[in-house]
N, C-alpha and C. Protein backbone atom coordinates (compact mmCIF):
# COMPACT_ATOMS: atom_id res chain seq x y z
N MET A 1 -19.54 81.16 -99.37
CA MET A 1 -20.11 81.01 -98.79
C MET A 1 -19.74 79.84 -97.92
N PRO A 2 -19.25 80.42 -96.39
CA PRO A 2 -18.45 79.49 -95.61
C PRO A 2 -19.38 78.41 -95.02
N GLU A 3 -18.29 77.44 -95.03
CA GLU A 3 -19.39 76.28 -94.72
C GLU A 3 -19.49 76.53 -92.87
N LEU A 4 -19.90 75.43 -92.18
CA LEU A 4 -20.33 75.33 -90.76
C LEU A 4 -19.72 74.23 -90.20
N GLU A 5 -19.01 74.50 -89.66
CA GLU A 5 -18.21 73.49 -89.07
C GLU A 5 -18.49 72.94 -88.28
N ILE A 6 -19.34 71.53 -87.63
CA ILE A 6 -19.92 71.03 -86.00
C ILE A 6 -19.07 70.60 -85.76
N HIS A 7 -18.68 70.42 -84.86
CA HIS A 7 -18.15 69.20 -83.77
C HIS A 7 -17.92 68.32 -83.16
N HIS A 8 -17.76 67.40 -83.72
CA HIS A 8 -18.81 66.34 -82.01
C HIS A 8 -17.43 65.55 -82.05
N GLU A 9 -17.77 64.99 -80.02
CA GLU A 9 -16.63 64.99 -79.80
C GLU A 9 -16.20 62.85 -79.87
N THR A 10 -15.09 62.57 -80.55
CA THR A 10 -14.64 61.84 -80.90
C THR A 10 -14.07 60.81 -79.83
N GLU A 11 -14.41 59.33 -78.97
CA GLU A 11 -13.51 58.92 -78.94
C GLU A 11 -12.17 59.54 -78.46
N GLU A 12 -11.10 59.75 -79.03
CA GLU A 12 -9.83 60.43 -78.07
C GLU A 12 -10.33 62.23 -77.83
N ARG A 13 -11.33 62.26 -77.49
CA ARG A 13 -11.32 64.21 -77.26
C ARG A 13 -12.11 63.53 -76.22
N ARG A 14 -12.70 62.62 -75.55
CA ARG A 14 -13.58 62.45 -74.73
C ARG A 14 -13.30 62.31 -73.68
N ASP A 15 -14.01 62.99 -72.31
CA ASP A 15 -13.46 63.15 -71.46
C ASP A 15 -14.59 62.39 -69.93
N PRO A 16 -13.59 61.51 -70.15
CA PRO A 16 -14.61 60.62 -68.28
C PRO A 16 -15.01 60.90 -67.55
N LEU A 17 -14.03 61.07 -66.76
CA LEU A 17 -13.59 61.74 -65.68
C LEU A 17 -14.63 62.80 -65.80
N GLY A 18 -15.48 63.35 -66.88
CA GLY A 18 -16.24 65.01 -66.79
C GLY A 18 -17.07 64.52 -67.00
N GLN A 19 -17.39 63.23 -67.68
CA GLN A 19 -18.73 62.44 -66.78
C GLN A 19 -18.75 62.68 -65.93
N ARG A 20 -18.29 62.14 -65.30
CA ARG A 20 -18.52 61.35 -63.90
C ARG A 20 -18.80 62.41 -62.62
N VAL A 21 -17.71 63.31 -63.04
CA VAL A 21 -18.27 64.65 -62.31
C VAL A 21 -19.60 65.07 -62.92
N GLY A 22 -19.88 65.27 -64.23
CA GLY A 22 -21.79 65.71 -64.50
C GLY A 22 -22.08 64.43 -63.49
N VAL A 23 -22.43 63.49 -63.68
CA VAL A 23 -23.18 62.78 -62.62
C VAL A 23 -23.04 63.13 -60.62
N LEU A 24 -21.89 62.92 -60.54
CA LEU A 24 -21.68 63.90 -59.14
C LEU A 24 -22.61 65.62 -58.70
N ALA A 25 -22.55 65.96 -60.05
CA ALA A 25 -22.84 67.04 -59.87
C ALA A 25 -24.58 66.89 -60.12
N ALA A 26 -24.99 66.35 -60.71
CA ALA A 26 -26.39 65.67 -60.94
C ALA A 26 -27.23 64.71 -59.29
N ILE A 27 -26.06 64.13 -59.12
CA ILE A 27 -26.12 63.91 -57.38
C ILE A 27 -26.57 64.54 -56.17
N LEU A 28 -25.54 65.20 -56.57
CA LEU A 28 -25.82 66.81 -55.66
C LEU A 28 -26.82 67.66 -55.73
N ALA A 29 -26.79 68.31 -56.44
CA ALA A 29 -27.83 69.17 -57.10
C ALA A 29 -29.31 68.46 -56.17
N VAL A 30 -30.10 67.15 -56.61
CA VAL A 30 -30.99 65.73 -56.23
C VAL A 30 -30.90 66.40 -54.64
N VAL A 31 -29.87 65.78 -54.29
CA VAL A 31 -29.87 65.60 -52.82
C VAL A 31 -29.93 67.07 -51.79
N LEU A 32 -29.27 67.98 -52.49
CA LEU A 32 -29.67 69.80 -52.04
C LEU A 32 -30.92 69.71 -52.58
N ALA A 33 -31.88 69.36 -53.19
CA ALA A 33 -33.29 69.98 -53.88
C ALA A 33 -33.46 69.01 -52.43
N ILE A 34 -33.64 67.66 -51.85
CA ILE A 34 -34.24 67.26 -51.09
C ILE A 34 -34.49 68.02 -50.14
N VAL A 35 -32.78 68.57 -49.51
CA VAL A 35 -32.90 68.80 -47.80
C VAL A 35 -33.58 69.90 -47.86
N SER A 36 -32.61 70.76 -49.26
CA SER A 36 -33.95 72.24 -48.94
C SER A 36 -35.21 71.96 -49.29
N ILE A 37 -35.99 71.39 -49.78
CA ILE A 37 -37.45 70.83 -48.69
C ILE A 37 -37.89 70.30 -47.64
N ALA A 38 -36.42 69.65 -47.05
CA ALA A 38 -37.36 69.14 -46.30
C ALA A 38 -36.73 70.54 -44.71
N SER A 39 -35.93 71.43 -45.13
CA SER A 39 -35.20 72.37 -45.28
C SER A 39 -36.49 73.48 -44.04
N HIS A 40 -37.14 73.94 -45.61
CA HIS A 40 -38.40 74.41 -45.49
C HIS A 40 -39.76 73.99 -44.65
N ARG A 41 -39.95 73.04 -44.94
CA ARG A 41 -41.30 72.36 -44.60
C ARG A 41 -41.21 72.51 -42.62
N THR A 42 -39.70 72.22 -42.32
CA THR A 42 -38.88 71.95 -41.43
C THR A 42 -39.58 73.47 -40.66
N HIS A 43 -39.04 74.85 -40.95
CA HIS A 43 -38.71 76.10 -40.48
C HIS A 43 -40.43 75.80 -40.76
N THR A 44 -41.34 75.66 -41.89
CA THR A 44 -42.81 76.11 -41.61
C THR A 44 -43.62 75.53 -40.41
N SER A 45 -42.81 74.17 -40.72
CA SER A 45 -44.06 73.67 -38.67
C SER A 45 -43.13 74.32 -37.68
N SER A 46 -42.12 75.10 -37.43
CA SER A 46 -41.79 75.48 -36.25
C SER A 46 -42.39 76.61 -36.37
N ILE A 47 -42.70 77.69 -37.12
CA ILE A 47 -43.67 78.46 -37.08
C ILE A 47 -44.84 78.34 -36.40
N MET A 48 -45.46 77.41 -36.85
CA MET A 48 -46.65 76.94 -36.34
C MET A 48 -46.69 76.67 -35.07
N HIS A 49 -45.63 75.95 -34.72
CA HIS A 49 -46.04 75.22 -33.82
C HIS A 49 -45.31 76.91 -32.46
N LYS A 50 -44.14 77.72 -33.00
CA LYS A 50 -44.92 78.95 -32.28
C LYS A 50 -46.11 79.56 -32.18
N SER A 51 -46.63 79.37 -33.28
CA SER A 51 -47.86 80.79 -33.75
C SER A 51 -48.67 79.80 -32.23
N THR A 52 -49.06 78.76 -32.55
CA THR A 52 -49.87 78.58 -31.71
C THR A 52 -49.62 77.85 -29.82
N ALA A 53 -47.80 77.86 -30.20
CA ALA A 53 -48.12 78.63 -28.73
C ALA A 53 -47.71 79.65 -28.29
N ASN A 54 -48.29 80.63 -28.63
CA ASN A 54 -48.31 81.83 -28.17
C ASN A 54 -49.77 81.83 -27.92
N ASP A 55 -50.68 81.37 -29.56
CA ASP A 55 -51.98 81.26 -29.36
C ASP A 55 -52.65 80.58 -27.40
N ALA A 56 -51.41 79.60 -26.87
CA ALA A 56 -52.01 79.06 -25.42
C ALA A 56 -51.10 80.19 -24.82
N TRP A 57 -50.65 80.72 -25.12
CA TRP A 57 -49.74 81.89 -23.68
C TRP A 57 -51.08 82.85 -23.42
N SER A 58 -50.91 83.42 -24.52
CA SER A 58 -52.38 84.84 -24.56
C SER A 58 -53.92 84.09 -23.61
N HIS A 59 -53.78 82.29 -24.35
CA HIS A 59 -55.38 82.29 -23.28
C HIS A 59 -54.58 82.01 -22.22
N TYR A 60 -53.46 81.34 -21.45
CA TYR A 60 -52.96 80.86 -20.51
C TYR A 60 -53.49 82.90 -19.56
N GLN A 61 -52.75 83.68 -19.61
CA GLN A 61 -52.86 84.56 -19.40
C GLN A 61 -54.45 85.35 -19.04
N ALA A 62 -54.90 84.92 -20.41
CA ALA A 62 -56.35 86.03 -20.01
C ALA A 62 -56.97 84.47 -18.67
N ALA A 63 -56.99 83.22 -18.97
CA ALA A 63 -57.26 82.91 -17.58
C ALA A 63 -57.08 82.92 -16.38
N ARG A 64 -55.00 83.73 -16.29
CA ARG A 64 -54.93 84.12 -14.48
C ARG A 64 -54.89 85.82 -14.55
N VAL A 65 -55.86 86.27 -15.65
CA VAL A 65 -56.50 87.63 -15.08
C VAL A 65 -57.41 87.71 -14.83
N LYS A 66 -58.37 86.62 -15.33
CA LYS A 66 -59.61 86.09 -14.85
C LYS A 66 -59.49 85.80 -12.64
N TYR A 67 -58.48 84.66 -13.13
CA TYR A 67 -58.24 84.01 -11.84
C TYR A 67 -57.83 85.41 -10.74
N HIS A 68 -56.83 86.78 -11.10
CA HIS A 68 -56.66 86.98 -10.58
C HIS A 68 -57.63 88.05 -10.21
N ASN A 69 -58.34 88.48 -10.70
CA ASN A 69 -59.95 89.06 -10.97
C ASN A 69 -60.71 88.76 -10.09
N LEU A 70 -60.66 87.26 -9.86
CA LEU A 70 -61.68 87.08 -8.53
C LEU A 70 -60.47 87.10 -7.12
N GLU A 71 -59.62 87.31 -6.95
CA GLU A 71 -58.95 87.51 -6.02
C GLU A 71 -59.09 88.80 -5.38
N LEU A 72 -59.07 89.65 -6.74
CA LEU A 72 -59.87 91.05 -6.07
C LEU A 72 -60.84 91.70 -5.19
N GLY A 73 -62.35 90.45 -6.11
CA GLY A 73 -63.03 90.40 -5.91
C GLY A 73 -63.05 90.50 -4.31
N GLU A 74 -62.63 88.97 -3.59
CA GLU A 74 -62.53 88.22 -2.54
C GLU A 74 -62.07 89.20 -1.95
N ASN A 75 -60.96 90.30 -2.38
CA ASN A 75 -60.42 91.00 -1.52
C ASN A 75 -60.76 92.10 -1.16
N LEU A 76 -61.82 92.74 -1.77
CA LEU A 76 -62.87 93.64 -1.44
C LEU A 76 -63.89 93.03 -0.83
N LEU A 77 -64.43 91.90 -0.92
CA LEU A 77 -65.10 91.51 0.06
C LEU A 77 -64.84 92.16 1.79
N ALA A 78 -62.84 91.17 2.08
CA ALA A 78 -62.64 91.31 3.08
C ALA A 78 -62.73 92.66 3.50
N VAL A 79 -61.98 93.74 3.16
CA VAL A 79 -61.40 94.68 2.98
C VAL A 79 -63.03 95.72 3.34
N LEU A 80 -64.21 95.60 2.88
CA LEU A 80 -65.37 95.92 3.10
C LEU A 80 -66.02 95.43 4.51
N GLY A 81 -65.67 93.96 4.93
CA GLY A 81 -65.63 93.12 5.86
C GLY A 81 -67.39 92.84 5.32
N ALA A 82 -67.25 92.78 3.99
CA ALA A 82 -68.81 92.42 4.34
C ALA A 82 -69.60 90.96 4.90
N ASN A 83 -70.52 90.65 5.25
CA ASN A 83 -70.77 89.62 5.93
C ASN A 83 -72.32 89.24 5.35
N GLY A 84 -72.48 87.63 6.24
CA GLY A 84 -74.05 87.26 5.66
C GLY A 84 -73.92 86.31 4.68
N ALA A 85 -75.68 85.75 4.46
CA ALA A 85 -75.81 85.06 3.17
C ALA A 85 -75.28 85.09 2.12
N ALA A 86 -74.85 86.87 1.52
CA ALA A 86 -74.84 87.47 0.12
C ALA A 86 -73.69 86.87 -0.01
N ALA A 87 -73.25 87.72 1.21
CA ALA A 87 -70.86 88.14 1.16
C ALA A 87 -70.67 86.23 1.27
N ASP A 88 -70.93 85.58 1.95
CA ASP A 88 -70.94 83.84 1.79
C ASP A 88 -70.87 83.44 0.54
N ALA A 89 -72.07 83.87 -0.15
CA ALA A 89 -72.46 82.71 -1.63
C ALA A 89 -71.98 83.28 -2.72
N MET A 90 -71.07 85.23 -2.08
CA MET A 90 -69.85 85.60 -3.32
C MET A 90 -69.08 84.41 -2.94
N ARG A 91 -68.10 84.60 -1.81
CA ARG A 91 -66.83 83.61 -1.44
C ARG A 91 -66.59 82.58 -2.61
N ALA A 92 -67.90 81.85 -1.78
CA ALA A 92 -68.63 80.54 -2.21
C ALA A 92 -68.06 80.23 -3.55
N ASP A 93 -68.51 81.10 -3.97
CA ASP A 93 -68.65 81.24 -5.94
C ASP A 93 -67.00 81.63 -6.67
N TYR A 94 -66.58 82.90 -6.16
CA TYR A 94 -65.64 83.30 -6.65
C TYR A 94 -64.19 81.99 -5.96
N ALA A 95 -64.61 80.95 -4.62
CA ALA A 95 -63.59 79.88 -4.39
C ALA A 95 -63.95 78.59 -5.88
N ALA A 96 -65.37 78.54 -6.05
CA ALA A 96 -65.53 77.60 -7.61
C ALA A 96 -65.24 78.30 -8.82
N GLN A 97 -64.94 79.34 -8.47
CA GLN A 97 -64.60 80.12 -10.05
C GLN A 97 -63.00 79.65 -9.78
N LYS A 98 -62.07 80.64 -8.77
CA LYS A 98 -60.54 80.02 -8.94
C LYS A 98 -60.24 78.90 -9.28
N GLN A 99 -60.34 78.06 -8.30
CA GLN A 99 -61.02 77.02 -8.72
C GLN A 99 -60.31 75.93 -9.75
N LYS A 100 -61.53 76.61 -11.00
CA LYS A 100 -61.92 76.53 -12.32
C LYS A 100 -60.75 76.90 -13.53
N TYR A 101 -59.42 77.86 -12.86
CA TYR A 101 -59.16 79.10 -13.40
C TYR A 101 -57.43 78.33 -13.47
N ASP A 102 -58.19 77.93 -12.36
CA ASP A 102 -56.64 77.76 -11.74
C ASP A 102 -56.05 76.10 -12.50
N GLY A 103 -56.88 75.18 -12.76
CA GLY A 103 -57.07 74.26 -13.75
C GLY A 103 -56.99 74.52 -15.00
N GLN A 104 -57.74 75.24 -15.62
CA GLN A 104 -57.42 75.66 -16.97
C GLN A 104 -55.83 76.50 -16.88
N ALA A 105 -55.44 77.01 -16.14
CA ALA A 105 -54.13 77.92 -16.47
C ALA A 105 -53.49 76.81 -16.44
N ARG A 106 -53.20 75.59 -15.65
CA ARG A 106 -52.26 74.75 -15.15
C ARG A 106 -52.40 73.97 -16.60
N GLN A 107 -53.25 73.75 -16.93
CA GLN A 107 -53.81 72.80 -18.20
C GLN A 107 -53.42 73.28 -19.87
N ILE A 108 -53.62 75.21 -20.11
CA ILE A 108 -53.02 75.55 -20.98
C ILE A 108 -51.40 75.98 -21.12
N GLN A 109 -51.05 75.81 -19.89
CA GLN A 109 -49.38 76.46 -19.74
C GLN A 109 -48.22 74.89 -19.94
N GLY A 110 -49.12 74.11 -20.27
CA GLY A 110 -48.82 72.31 -21.10
C GLY A 110 -48.80 72.86 -21.83
N ASP A 111 -49.55 72.76 -22.12
CA ASP A 111 -50.13 73.36 -24.06
C ASP A 111 -49.20 73.85 -24.23
N ALA A 112 -48.67 74.65 -24.03
CA ALA A 112 -48.27 76.04 -24.35
C ALA A 112 -46.78 75.78 -23.95
N GLU A 113 -46.16 75.25 -23.22
CA GLU A 113 -44.87 74.19 -22.74
C GLU A 113 -44.01 73.22 -23.84
N LYS A 114 -45.72 72.90 -24.16
CA LYS A 114 -45.27 71.43 -25.50
C LYS A 114 -44.79 72.33 -26.98
N GLN A 115 -46.38 72.89 -26.64
CA GLN A 115 -45.47 73.67 -27.93
C GLN A 115 -44.05 74.52 -28.60
N ASP A 116 -44.04 75.42 -27.14
CA ASP A 116 -43.02 75.40 -27.49
C ASP A 116 -41.80 74.21 -27.07
N GLY A 117 -41.64 73.01 -26.80
CA GLY A 117 -41.00 72.79 -26.78
C GLY A 117 -40.99 71.93 -28.24
N LEU A 118 -41.77 72.29 -29.14
CA LEU A 118 -41.68 71.48 -30.32
C LEU A 118 -41.29 72.31 -31.27
N ALA A 119 -41.27 73.74 -30.95
CA ALA A 119 -40.72 74.82 -32.24
C ALA A 119 -38.76 74.71 -31.29
N GLU A 120 -38.97 74.51 -30.70
CA GLU A 120 -37.66 74.46 -30.89
C GLU A 120 -37.06 73.26 -31.14
N SER A 121 -37.54 72.10 -31.32
CA SER A 121 -37.07 71.28 -31.60
C SER A 121 -36.95 71.20 -33.07
N ASP A 122 -37.24 72.12 -34.09
CA ASP A 122 -38.28 72.07 -35.05
C ASP A 122 -36.90 72.92 -35.54
N GLU A 123 -37.26 73.91 -34.87
CA GLU A 123 -35.60 75.52 -34.63
C GLU A 123 -34.20 73.97 -34.71
N ASP A 124 -34.39 72.76 -34.59
CA ASP A 124 -33.13 72.56 -34.51
C ASP A 124 -31.82 71.72 -35.21
N ARG A 125 -33.39 70.45 -36.02
CA ARG A 125 -33.13 70.28 -36.86
C ARG A 125 -33.24 70.87 -38.45
N ALA A 126 -34.40 72.43 -38.52
CA ALA A 126 -33.87 73.05 -39.60
C ALA A 126 -32.89 73.62 -39.62
N LEU A 127 -32.13 73.98 -38.30
CA LEU A 127 -30.46 74.42 -38.65
C LEU A 127 -29.59 73.41 -39.45
N ARG A 128 -29.67 72.13 -38.53
CA ARG A 128 -29.00 70.74 -39.62
C ARG A 128 -29.40 70.43 -41.25
N TYR A 129 -30.00 70.97 -41.33
CA TYR A 129 -30.30 71.01 -42.56
C TYR A 129 -29.76 72.16 -43.02
N ASP A 130 -30.19 73.27 -42.75
CA ASP A 130 -29.81 74.52 -42.89
C ASP A 130 -28.28 73.83 -43.47
N VAL A 131 -26.87 73.67 -42.54
CA VAL A 131 -26.23 73.74 -42.49
C VAL A 131 -25.46 72.55 -43.32
N GLY A 132 -26.76 71.47 -43.77
CA GLY A 132 -26.79 70.27 -44.52
C GLY A 132 -26.67 71.27 -46.34
N GLU A 133 -27.65 71.79 -46.23
CA GLU A 133 -27.78 72.39 -47.52
C GLU A 133 -26.99 73.50 -47.23
N GLY A 134 -26.11 74.51 -46.63
CA GLY A 134 -25.10 74.86 -47.64
C GLY A 134 -23.62 74.25 -47.96
N LEU A 135 -23.79 73.14 -46.98
CA LEU A 135 -22.20 72.30 -47.70
C LEU A 135 -22.81 71.74 -49.04
N LEU A 136 -24.19 71.64 -49.05
CA LEU A 136 -24.26 70.87 -50.38
C LEU A 136 -23.81 71.19 -51.81
N GLU A 137 -24.83 73.00 -51.26
CA GLU A 137 -24.28 73.67 -52.61
C GLU A 137 -22.99 73.95 -53.18
N ILE A 138 -21.95 74.07 -51.65
CA ILE A 138 -20.90 74.23 -51.74
C ILE A 138 -20.18 72.47 -52.47
N GLY A 139 -20.43 72.07 -52.23
CA GLY A 139 -20.27 70.41 -53.23
C GLY A 139 -20.63 70.29 -54.51
N LEU A 140 -21.35 71.05 -54.36
CA LEU A 140 -21.74 71.43 -56.04
C LEU A 140 -21.20 72.07 -56.66
N VAL A 141 -21.07 73.54 -56.36
CA VAL A 141 -19.69 74.18 -56.98
C VAL A 141 -18.80 74.34 -57.03
N LEU A 142 -17.95 73.76 -56.32
CA LEU A 142 -17.31 73.15 -56.11
C LEU A 142 -16.73 71.29 -57.55
N SER A 143 -17.41 70.34 -57.48
CA SER A 143 -17.38 70.03 -58.63
C SER A 143 -17.99 70.62 -59.64
N SER A 144 -18.37 71.53 -59.76
CA SER A 144 -18.18 72.41 -61.56
C SER A 144 -17.11 73.30 -61.44
N LEU A 145 -16.91 73.25 -60.60
CA LEU A 145 -15.27 73.78 -61.54
C LEU A 145 -14.23 72.87 -61.77
N TYR A 146 -14.69 71.89 -61.64
CA TYR A 146 -13.59 71.02 -62.76
C TYR A 146 -13.78 71.45 -64.23
N PHE A 147 -15.53 71.77 -64.26
CA PHE A 147 -15.70 71.73 -66.34
C PHE A 147 -14.53 73.24 -66.79
N ILE A 148 -13.87 74.27 -65.61
CA ILE A 148 -13.48 74.92 -66.07
C ILE A 148 -12.00 74.90 -66.03
N SER A 149 -11.75 74.20 -64.89
CA SER A 149 -10.37 74.53 -64.29
C SER A 149 -9.48 72.79 -65.25
N LYS A 150 -10.20 71.61 -65.44
CA LYS A 150 -10.14 70.25 -64.96
C LYS A 150 -8.49 70.21 -64.25
N LYS A 151 -8.93 70.40 -62.72
CA LYS A 151 -8.23 69.28 -62.25
C LYS A 151 -9.15 68.73 -61.13
N LYS A 152 -8.60 67.87 -60.82
CA LYS A 152 -9.04 67.31 -59.96
C LYS A 152 -9.57 67.18 -58.62
N MET A 153 -9.10 67.94 -57.82
CA MET A 153 -9.06 68.67 -56.87
C MET A 153 -10.22 68.83 -56.31
N PHE A 154 -10.90 69.54 -57.63
CA PHE A 154 -12.53 70.04 -57.33
C PHE A 154 -13.38 69.04 -56.72
N PRO A 155 -13.59 68.18 -57.71
CA PRO A 155 -14.38 67.08 -57.30
C PRO A 155 -14.38 66.26 -56.35
N VAL A 156 -12.90 66.23 -55.77
CA VAL A 156 -12.98 65.08 -54.57
C VAL A 156 -12.96 66.49 -53.76
N MET A 157 -12.39 67.76 -53.27
CA MET A 157 -13.55 68.78 -52.85
C MET A 157 -14.31 68.51 -52.43
N GLY A 158 -15.76 68.47 -53.31
CA GLY A 158 -17.16 69.23 -54.05
C GLY A 158 -17.53 66.78 -52.85
N ILE A 159 -16.31 66.20 -53.33
CA ILE A 159 -17.20 64.87 -52.88
C ILE A 159 -17.16 65.55 -51.34
N ILE A 160 -16.92 65.57 -50.84
CA ILE A 160 -16.02 66.36 -48.89
C ILE A 160 -17.26 66.50 -48.55
N ALA A 161 -17.20 67.57 -49.36
CA ALA A 161 -18.51 69.00 -48.96
C ALA A 161 -19.38 68.08 -49.08
N GLY A 162 -20.20 67.36 -49.66
CA GLY A 162 -21.40 66.85 -50.12
C GLY A 162 -21.37 65.55 -49.64
N VAL A 163 -20.79 65.11 -48.72
CA VAL A 163 -20.27 64.21 -47.81
C VAL A 163 -20.94 64.53 -46.22
N ALA A 164 -20.00 65.59 -46.43
CA ALA A 164 -20.57 66.12 -44.89
C ALA A 164 -21.87 66.95 -44.06
N GLY A 165 -22.47 67.59 -45.77
CA GLY A 165 -23.51 67.80 -46.24
C GLY A 165 -24.34 67.05 -45.10
N CYS A 166 -24.88 65.83 -46.73
CA CYS A 166 -25.58 64.68 -46.25
C CYS A 166 -25.20 64.40 -44.87
N ALA A 167 -24.49 64.19 -43.81
CA ALA A 167 -24.33 63.46 -43.17
C ALA A 167 -24.80 64.77 -41.72
N ILE A 168 -24.80 65.35 -41.86
CA ILE A 168 -25.35 66.72 -40.91
C ILE A 168 -26.52 66.81 -41.20
N ALA A 169 -27.60 66.61 -42.69
CA ALA A 169 -29.27 66.37 -42.29
C ALA A 169 -29.35 65.65 -42.33
N ILE A 170 -28.59 64.54 -42.25
CA ILE A 170 -29.51 63.35 -41.94
C ILE A 170 -29.60 63.10 -40.42
N THR A 171 -28.29 64.57 -39.43
CA THR A 171 -28.25 63.83 -38.23
C THR A 171 -30.12 64.97 -37.83
N GLY A 172 -30.65 65.70 -38.51
CA GLY A 172 -31.74 66.52 -38.19
C GLY A 172 -32.76 65.55 -39.07
N LEU A 173 -32.51 64.20 -39.30
CA LEU A 173 -33.61 63.46 -39.60
C LEU A 173 -33.84 62.44 -37.82
N MET A 174 -32.96 62.61 -37.29
CA MET A 174 -32.59 62.09 -35.63
C MET A 174 -32.58 62.73 -34.84
N LEU A 175 -33.23 64.15 -34.62
CA LEU A 175 -34.11 64.63 -34.09
C LEU A 175 -35.55 64.61 -33.58
């Protein structure tokens, strides 16, 4: 019956650089996870702000349609030559409503523009997180190539890509 031979790593065969590269890969993986979560959350925030902005623009459009309907009513009164107390009361009512809808439209427009700005800012941040995420992934893969090739250049390139990824992702926090 053949014996099962179990190989143990001895002190002579130990790879200290491999252990450091393993720790490097683990650190890159953790940072990658953090940046990925930040990226996903920022994309979600951008979608929410854009949705709110779209709702506000629809509300703005509705207020402007109401305003233009009132203008149409005024124009019809003018074209038909309506005079008298009833026509004057209608004109006064139209003027008050136009003022109300004009004020509402301005406020809604300001809110919509603010939400559009927030969405755009989120997208700028998310882009930086995405680029940082990509570089961290490249750094992780390059570092892992050490275990196949035993060449020191791969962890060095992995560190460079990882540092660049971290730096770019950090700039997303500053926006």
